[in-house]
Amino acid sequence: ETAAPKGSSSMGGGKKPVSDGSDLFPRKKLDPKDFEFMNEKGKVLIKEPGSINGQPFNIGDCEDCDIYICDYIAQVQIDCCKNCRIFIGPTEASIFIRDCVGCKCIMACRQYRARECMECDTLLFASTAPVVEESKQMRFGCFRFFYFSLAQQMEAVKLSVFDNKWSEIYDFTPADGNWTFLPIDTKGSDLMQPLSAVSSFVTKEEEELHGESGVVPLTAGLRKELTTNQPRVFLMILPNKKEDGLKVLSKVAGKLSIVQTKELLLDPAKAKQLFQKSSSGLAGTVAKQTVVGCELAGADALDTAQSAVQAVGDGVAYVSPTEDAALYETNLFFEQWKDFAGMAVTK
């Protein structure tokens, strides 16, 4: 047998292809069963951070289960579950829940849809208006939950914690009794056990240190009864100051209601228009930058907000200088610049 010449292949005589490394480290084939919880009863079912990594997940035909999906996910479908407690971590696209009864849920997603569900309570983060259809006795509140990598997972699926339209429910089949709001003080632990009670990757000390609203601000949303006729203030978190801005919001918690928040890229025209009633000189600083607007309500709103900003430090946030400016800035930022995807009927 004659050996092939150096530099050629014994199969066809061509050059040996350059390896991309895939032959050395073959990709592990995914097992669909690792991305579903089906036909379970009376169990605690947990997916820890890093176990899903952006894959879709399905839950179906479960009864009286405690389900925790603590990772970022592409999309989630939940069907025919009864009396379950369900946590769903940051979901890039939609959470679609169908034919479920008596479930307690905490969920974060871009789009939430419920169809033919009954008596389900949900603490929700949704960056677009949630949709319900053919459902009865549904109750909604603002997302409240914590574990260490939750904030990073929100970033991984490009969900801004400040763009939460949880209260802007759109009902395709409107009727009395279809849905309402949960009490404003409803906590995650009112709906399901904290992670520290069922898993080792979160400690009770971590939960107590960070609190359930440490990642997503607790907003009143469209609950008119909480903020009607209360003084308003507009607070704007300045560019690249989101982390410090959350500290400001934590300082006003319990003193003022956070009605709503929104992240927005300001073009130069919007920046100039926003500060027409202020002598702050910030228009040039925030032009072509992303800021976070916050509508706050409560007694002594201006003084309370200004004190919170001063406590955190200079250069973190802007606060309306007067009540007249606050009304103008709030209306402009949240109403005149409102995106149509978030419009809904106020309860």
Protein backbone atom coordinates (compact mmCIF):
# COMPACT_ATOMS: atom_id res chain seq x y z
CA GLU A 1 0.00 0.00 0.00
CA THR A 2 1.32 3.42 -0.98
CA ALA A 3 1.13 6.19 1.59
CA ALA A 4 -0.55 9.44 0.59
CA PRO A 5 1.83 12.32 -0.15
CA LYS A 6 2.47 14.76 2.68
CA GLY A 7 -0.09 17.58 2.74
CA SER A 8 -2.77 15.58 0.93
CA SER A 9 -5.60 13.34 2.07
CA SER A 10 -5.79 9.65 1.35
CA MET A 11 -9.49 10.26 0.66
CA GLY A 12 -9.76 12.35 -2.48
CA GLY A 13 -6.31 13.95 -2.32
CA GLY A 14 -7.54 17.34 -0.94
CA LYS A 15 -6.24 19.28 2.00
CA LYS A 16 -7.38 18.25 5.43
CA PRO A 17 -10.10 20.67 6.62
CA VAL A 18 -9.30 22.88 9.59
CA SER A 19 -11.18 21.73 12.70
CA ASP A 20 -13.54 24.20 14.39
CA GLY A 21 -13.19 22.33 17.65
CA SER A 22 -16.67 20.78 17.53
CA ASP A 23 -15.14 17.32 17.07
CA LEU A 24 -13.16 17.78 20.27
CA PHE A 25 -16.08 19.17 22.32
CA PRO A 26 -19.30 17.78 20.83
CA ARG A 27 -22.43 19.71 21.83
CA LYS A 28 -24.54 17.86 24.36
CA LYS A 29 -27.91 16.86 22.95
CA LEU A 30 -30.75 18.42 24.91
CA ASP A 31 -33.32 16.13 26.46
CA PRO A 32 -36.86 17.61 26.11
CA LYS A 33 -37.78 16.05 29.46
CA ASP A 34 -35.33 18.43 31.16
CA PHE A 35 -37.47 21.34 30.02
CA GLU A 36 -40.90 20.31 31.26
CA PHE A 37 -42.86 19.42 34.36
CA MET A 38 -45.77 17.19 33.37
CA ASN A 39 -48.38 15.14 35.24
CA GLU A 40 -46.98 15.82 38.71
CA LYS A 41 -48.96 15.89 41.95
CA GLY A 42 -48.07 17.17 45.41
CA LYS A 43 -44.38 17.79 44.65
CA VAL A 44 -41.82 20.56 45.00
CA LEU A 45 -40.30 21.03 41.53
CA ILE A 46 -37.30 23.34 41.08
CA LYS A 47 -35.11 24.41 38.18
CA GLU A 48 -32.10 26.30 39.53
CA PRO A 49 -30.17 29.10 37.76
CA GLY A 50 -28.17 27.75 34.84
CA SER A 51 -30.38 24.71 34.28
CA ILE A 52 -32.45 26.12 31.38
CA ASN A 53 -30.29 28.86 29.81
CA GLY A 54 -32.89 30.38 27.51
CA GLN A 55 -34.66 27.24 26.32
CA PRO A 56 -38.51 27.02 26.15
CA PHE A 57 -40.28 25.33 29.06
CA ASN A 58 -43.64 23.57 29.37
CA ILE A 59 -45.75 22.82 32.46
CA GLY A 60 -48.88 20.73 32.20
CA ASP A 61 -51.44 18.69 34.13
CA CYS A 62 -49.88 19.33 37.54
CA GLU A 63 -51.88 19.46 40.76
CA ASP A 64 -51.00 20.87 44.20
CA CYS A 65 -47.34 21.38 43.25
CA ASP A 66 -44.81 24.05 44.23
CA ILE A 67 -43.00 24.92 41.00
CA TYR A 68 -39.98 27.22 40.77
CA ILE A 69 -38.35 27.99 37.40
CA CYS A 70 -35.41 30.12 38.57
CA ASP A 71 -33.64 30.71 35.28
CA TYR A 72 -34.13 32.76 32.14
CA ILE A 73 -36.37 31.15 29.54
CA ALA A 74 -37.34 31.68 25.89
CA GLN A 75 -41.08 31.14 26.41
CA VAL A 76 -43.36 29.21 28.75
CA GLN A 77 -46.63 27.40 28.24
CA ILE A 78 -48.71 26.27 31.24
CA ASP A 79 -51.75 24.06 30.68
CA CYS A 80 -54.39 22.41 32.85
CA CYS A 81 -52.81 22.94 36.26
CA LYS A 82 -54.87 22.94 39.44
CA ASN A 83 -54.10 24.49 42.84
CA CYS A 84 -50.39 24.92 42.08
CA ARG A 85 -47.94 27.59 43.23
CA ILE A 86 -45.81 28.62 40.24
CA PHE A 87 -42.80 30.92 39.94
CA ILE A 88 -41.52 31.67 36.43
CA GLY A 89 -38.24 33.56 36.04
CA PRO A 90 -37.44 36.14 33.33
CA THR A 91 -39.00 35.02 30.05
CA GLU A 92 -37.80 36.54 26.80
CA ALA A 93 -41.10 36.17 24.93
CA SER A 94 -44.48 35.04 26.26
CA ILE A 95 -45.96 33.16 29.17
CA PHE A 96 -49.20 31.55 28.01
CA ILE A 97 -51.33 30.03 30.77
CA ARG A 98 -54.47 28.09 29.78
CA ASP A 99 -57.19 26.10 31.52
CA CYS A 100 -55.72 26.55 34.99
CA VAL A 101 -57.74 26.76 38.21
CA GLY A 102 -56.84 28.02 41.69
CA CYS A 103 -53.15 28.67 40.98
CA LYS A 104 -50.90 31.22 42.72
CA CYS A 105 -48.27 32.62 40.36
CA ILE A 106 -45.29 34.97 40.31
CA MET A 107 -44.07 35.62 36.76
CA ALA A 108 -41.76 37.87 34.72
CA CYS A 109 -42.09 38.08 30.94
CA ARG A 110 -42.36 40.29 27.89
CA GLN A 111 -45.94 39.21 27.16
CA TYR A 112 -48.47 37.56 29.48
CA ARG A 113 -51.57 35.79 28.16
CA ALA A 114 -54.25 33.90 30.10
CA ARG A 115 -57.06 31.96 28.48
CA GLU A 116 -59.91 30.04 30.12
CA CYS A 117 -58.40 30.29 33.60
CA MET A 118 -60.26 30.70 36.89
CA GLU A 119 -59.42 31.94 40.39
CA CYS A 120 -55.72 32.51 39.73
CA ASP A 121 -53.68 35.14 41.63
CA THR A 122 -50.57 36.53 39.92
CA LEU A 123 -47.79 38.91 40.95
CA LEU A 124 -46.66 39.97 37.50
CA PHE A 125 -43.90 41.67 35.58
CA ALA A 126 -44.87 42.23 31.94
CA SER A 127 -43.23 44.74 29.61
CA THR A 128 -46.35 44.84 27.42
CA ALA A 129 -50.00 45.02 28.44
CA PRO A 130 -51.14 41.65 29.88
CA VAL A 131 -53.96 39.91 28.03
CA VAL A 132 -56.78 37.83 29.51
CA GLU A 133 -59.48 35.98 27.59
CA GLU A 134 -62.45 33.86 28.68
CA SER A 135 -61.15 33.94 32.25
CA LYS A 136 -62.90 34.55 35.58
CA GLN A 137 -61.93 35.77 39.05
CA MET A 138 -58.34 36.57 38.12
CA ARG A 139 -56.37 38.88 40.45
CA PHE A 140 -53.15 40.72 39.65
CA GLY A 141 -50.44 42.56 41.56
CA CYS A 142 -46.91 43.83 41.00
CA PHE A 143 -44.08 41.29 40.78
CA ARG A 144 -42.34 40.63 44.10
CA PHE A 145 -39.61 38.01 44.45
CA PHE A 146 -35.87 37.67 44.96
CA TYR A 147 -32.92 35.41 44.33
CA PHE A 148 -29.32 36.41 43.71
CA SER A 149 -29.15 36.09 39.89
CA LEU A 150 -32.64 37.45 39.13
CA ALA A 151 -31.40 40.90 38.07
CA GLN A 152 -28.76 39.41 35.75
CA GLN A 153 -31.37 37.12 34.20
CA MET A 154 -33.65 40.10 33.51
CA GLU A 155 -30.76 41.72 31.66
CA ALA A 156 -30.03 38.50 29.75
CA VAL A 157 -33.50 38.57 28.15
CA LYS A 158 -33.41 42.38 27.73
CA LEU A 159 -36.26 43.15 30.15
CA SER A 160 -35.92 46.52 31.89
CA VAL A 161 -37.10 46.27 35.50
CA PHE A 162 -38.53 49.79 35.06
CA ASP A 163 -40.87 48.89 32.17
CA ASN A 164 -43.53 46.97 34.07
CA LYS A 165 -47.08 47.26 32.70
CA TRP A 166 -48.51 44.62 35.04
CA SER A 167 -51.68 46.62 35.79
CA GLU A 168 -52.58 47.56 32.21
CA ILE A 169 -54.81 44.51 31.68
CA TYR A 170 -56.49 44.08 28.31
CA ASP A 171 -59.53 41.78 28.48
CA PHE A 172 -60.60 40.34 25.13
CA THR A 173 -63.92 39.20 26.64
CA PRO A 174 -64.75 41.96 29.16
CA ALA A 175 -67.33 41.28 31.88
CA ASP A 176 -67.75 42.05 35.57
CA GLY A 177 -65.82 39.62 37.73
CA ASN A 178 -63.23 38.66 35.12
CA TRP A 179 -60.31 40.28 36.92
CA THR A 180 -59.33 42.73 39.62
CA PHE A 181 -56.27 43.84 41.58
CA LEU A 182 -54.70 42.11 44.56
CA PRO A 183 -54.17 44.27 47.69
CA ILE A 184 -51.12 46.51 47.26
CA ASP A 185 -49.37 44.87 50.22
CA THR A 186 -49.59 41.34 48.78
CA LYS A 187 -46.14 39.76 49.07
CA GLY A 188 -44.59 36.89 47.19
CA SER A 189 -44.60 34.87 50.40
CA ASP A 190 -48.39 35.30 50.55
CA LEU A 191 -48.68 33.30 47.34
CA MET A 192 -45.93 30.72 47.70
CA GLN A 193 -43.13 29.60 49.96
CA PRO A 194 -39.89 31.61 49.73
CA LEU A 195 -37.04 29.83 47.99
CA SER A 196 -35.06 29.56 51.23
CA ALA A 197 -37.74 27.24 52.58
CA VAL A 198 -37.52 24.76 49.69
CA SER A 199 -34.03 25.12 48.20
CA SER A 200 -30.42 25.53 49.32
CA PHE A 201 -29.27 28.03 46.68
CA VAL A 202 -30.94 30.98 48.46
CA THR A 203 -30.63 31.64 52.19
CA LYS A 204 -33.18 33.28 54.42
CA GLU A 205 -30.57 35.94 55.29
CA GLU A 206 -30.18 36.85 51.58
CA GLU A 207 -33.95 37.18 51.17
CA GLU A 208 -34.24 39.37 54.25
CA LEU A 209 -31.31 41.55 53.17
CA HIS A 210 -32.55 42.25 49.64
CA GLY A 211 -36.32 42.13 50.10
CA GLU A 212 -38.92 41.08 47.54
CA SER A 213 -38.86 44.46 45.79
CA GLY A 214 -35.09 44.72 45.53
CA VAL A 215 -35.03 43.91 41.80
CA VAL A 216 -38.35 45.12 40.35
CA PRO A 217 -39.79 48.33 41.87
CA LEU A 218 -43.15 47.87 43.58
CA THR A 219 -45.57 50.06 41.61
CA ALA A 220 -49.21 50.95 42.29
CA GLY A 221 -49.98 50.99 38.57
CA LEU A 222 -53.52 51.87 37.55
CA ARG A 223 -54.99 51.55 41.05
CA LYS A 224 -56.69 54.94 41.06
CA GLU A 225 -58.03 54.51 44.58
CA LEU A 226 -54.48 54.59 46.01
CA THR A 227 -53.28 57.83 44.45
CA THR A 228 -56.32 59.93 43.47
CA ASN A 229 -56.00 63.57 44.60
CA GLN A 230 -52.55 62.97 46.10
CA PRO A 231 -49.68 65.37 45.34
CA ARG A 232 -47.40 64.14 42.56
CA VAL A 233 -43.69 64.44 41.90
CA PHE A 234 -41.65 63.47 38.85
CA LEU A 235 -38.32 61.83 39.63
CA MET A 236 -35.90 61.02 36.83
CA ILE A 237 -32.97 58.62 37.30
CA LEU A 238 -30.08 60.06 35.31
CA PRO A 239 -28.11 58.11 32.66
CA ASN A 240 -26.02 55.19 33.96
CA LYS A 241 -27.38 55.61 37.50
CA LYS A 242 -29.99 52.84 37.64
CA GLU A 243 -28.45 51.02 40.59
CA ASP A 244 -28.30 54.18 42.69
CA GLY A 245 -31.77 55.10 41.40
CA LEU A 246 -33.16 51.90 42.90
CA LYS A 247 -31.66 53.00 46.23
CA VAL A 248 -33.59 56.25 45.96
CA LEU A 249 -36.83 54.39 45.29
CA SER A 250 -36.19 52.10 48.26
CA LYS A 251 -35.88 55.18 50.50
CA VAL A 252 -39.27 56.55 49.46
CA ALA A 253 -40.98 53.16 49.81
CA GLY A 254 -43.57 53.26 52.58
CA LYS A 255 -43.69 57.06 52.43
CA LEU A 256 -44.78 57.56 48.82
CA SER A 257 -46.52 55.37 46.26
CA ILE A 258 -44.48 54.61 43.16
CA VAL A 259 -47.26 54.95 40.60
CA GLN A 260 -45.26 53.91 37.54
CA THR A 261 -41.77 53.89 36.06
CA LYS A 262 -40.53 53.87 32.47
CA GLU A 263 -37.16 53.71 30.73
CA LEU A 264 -36.86 56.03 27.74
CA LEU A 265 -34.23 57.24 25.28
CA LEU A 266 -34.50 61.02 25.10
CA ASP A 267 -33.74 62.73 21.80
CA PRO A 268 -32.58 66.37 22.05
CA ALA A 269 -36.07 67.74 21.31
CA LYS A 270 -37.66 65.65 24.08
CA ALA A 271 -34.92 66.58 26.53
CA LYS A 272 -35.46 70.28 25.89
CA GLN A 273 -39.25 69.95 26.13
CA LEU A 274 -39.09 67.99 29.39
CA PHE A 275 -37.19 70.69 31.29
CA GLN A 276 -39.19 73.70 30.15
CA LYS A 277 -40.37 74.35 33.71
CA SER A 278 -37.02 73.72 35.34
CA SER A 279 -33.74 75.61 35.53
CA SER A 280 -31.74 72.42 36.17
CA GLY A 281 -29.68 72.72 32.99
CA LEU A 282 -29.90 68.96 32.44
CA ALA A 283 -31.33 69.03 28.91
CA GLY A 284 -27.90 68.79 27.30
CA THR A 285 -26.74 66.12 29.76
CA VAL A 286 -29.62 63.71 29.09
CA ALA A 287 -30.03 64.33 25.34
CA LYS A 288 -29.43 61.10 23.38
CA GLN A 289 -29.25 59.22 26.69
CA THR A 290 -31.50 56.64 28.35
CA VAL A 291 -33.22 57.80 31.53
CA VAL A 292 -35.82 56.34 33.89
CA GLY A 293 -38.90 58.40 34.72
CA CYS A 294 -40.77 57.72 37.97
CA GLU A 295 -44.18 59.07 38.98
CA LEU A 296 -44.48 59.28 42.77
CA ALA A 297 -47.54 60.22 44.81
CA GLY A 298 -48.23 61.03 48.44
CA ALA A 299 -48.20 63.70 51.12
CA ASP A 300 -45.14 65.98 50.97
CA ALA A 301 -44.12 64.22 47.76
CA LEU A 302 -41.64 66.90 46.64
CA ASP A 303 -39.80 67.14 49.96
CA THR A 304 -39.73 63.38 50.48
CA ALA A 305 -38.32 62.69 47.01
CA GLN A 306 -35.71 65.45 47.30
CA SER A 307 -34.57 64.15 50.71
CA ALA A 308 -34.21 60.61 49.30
CA VAL A 309 -32.07 61.84 46.40
CA GLN A 310 -29.86 63.89 48.72
CA ALA A 311 -29.38 60.87 50.98
CA VAL A 312 -28.12 58.71 48.10
CA GLY A 313 -25.88 61.39 46.55
CA ASP A 314 -25.52 64.09 43.93
CA GLY A 315 -25.81 63.31 40.24
CA VAL A 316 -28.15 60.35 40.68
CA ALA A 317 -31.61 61.75 39.97
CA TYR A 318 -33.60 64.86 39.13
CA VAL A 319 -36.70 65.86 41.10
CA SER A 320 -39.34 68.35 39.98
CA PRO A 321 -38.68 71.74 41.61
CA THR A 322 -42.38 72.63 42.01
CA GLU A 323 -45.81 70.99 41.96
CA ASP A 324 -46.58 72.75 38.69
CA ALA A 325 -43.44 71.31 37.09
CA ALA A 326 -44.25 67.87 38.50
CA LEU A 327 -47.68 67.83 36.86
CA TYR A 328 -46.24 69.00 33.55
CA GLU A 329 -43.33 66.53 33.54
CA THR A 330 -45.42 63.56 34.66
CA ASN A 331 -48.08 64.20 32.02
CA LEU A 332 -45.49 64.65 29.28
CA PHE A 333 -43.38 61.60 30.15
CA PHE A 334 -46.14 59.09 30.89
CA GLU A 335 -49.13 60.30 28.90
CA GLN A 336 -48.04 62.31 25.87
CA TRP A 337 -45.05 60.01 25.30
CA LYS A 338 -47.02 56.86 26.11
CA ASP A 339 -46.40 53.89 23.84
CA PHE A 340 -49.55 52.28 22.44
CA ALA A 341 -48.57 48.76 23.50
CA GLY A 342 -49.14 49.69 27.12
CA MET A 343 -52.59 51.25 26.84
CA ALA A 344 -55.38 49.64 28.83
CA VAL A 345 -58.61 50.39 30.65
CA THR A 346 -58.15 51.76 34.18
CA LYS A 347 -59.99 49.93 36.93
